[in-house]
Amino acid sequence: MPTPLPPFDLDVLRTFVAIVDHGGFTRAAERVGRTQSTISL
């Protein structure tokens, strides 16, 4: 039996998609309502 995967944080996925969609950390941070430093972390 394969080892189950750990739970995936959908907020992290949304943030990653925002970075790609908006072309950078600063604009993505504005979109998801977080600071740029939090997004880049």
Protein backbone atom coordinates (compact mmCIF):
# COMPACT_ATOMS: atom_id res chain seq x y z
CA MET A 1 0.00 0.00 0.00
CA PRO A 2 1.49 3.41 -0.97
CA THR A 3 2.24 5.99 1.68
CA PRO A 4 -0.52 8.65 1.82
CA LEU A 5 0.45 12.16 0.81
CA PRO A 6 0.46 14.89 3.46
CA PRO A 7 -2.44 17.34 3.32
CA PHE A 8 -1.92 20.09 0.74
CA ASP A 9 -2.44 23.72 1.68
CA LEU A 10 -4.74 25.22 -0.96
CA ASP A 11 -3.79 28.73 0.17
CA VAL A 12 -0.21 28.04 -0.94
CA LEU A 13 -1.47 26.87 -4.33
CA ARG A 14 -3.65 29.99 -4.74
CA THR A 15 -0.66 32.17 -3.88
CA PHE A 16 1.55 30.37 -6.40
CA VAL A 17 -1.08 30.79 -9.12
CA ALA A 18 -1.40 34.50 -8.25
CA ILE A 19 2.36 34.94 -8.62
CA VAL A 20 2.29 33.35 -12.06
CA ASP A 21 -0.89 35.16 -13.18
CA HIS A 22 0.25 38.60 -12.02
CA GLY A 23 3.88 38.31 -13.04
CA GLY A 24 5.54 38.87 -9.70
CA PHE A 25 5.45 38.79 -5.95
CA THR A 26 4.36 42.39 -5.35
CA ARG A 27 1.25 42.26 -7.54
CA ALA A 28 0.40 38.78 -6.29
CA ALA A 29 0.65 40.01 -2.71
CA GLU A 30 -1.81 42.80 -3.46
CA ARG A 31 -4.16 40.28 -5.06
CA VAL A 32 -4.18 37.81 -2.16
CA GLY A 33 -4.06 40.48 0.58
CA ARG A 34 -0.64 39.71 2.02
CA THR A 35 2.67 41.51 2.16
CA GLN A 36 5.31 41.00 -0.51
CA SER A 37 7.71 39.54 2.03
CA THR A 38 5.14 36.96 3.13
CA ILE A 39 4.53 35.92 -0.46
CA SER A 40 8.21 35.57 -1.30
CA LEU A 41 8.79 33.50 1.85
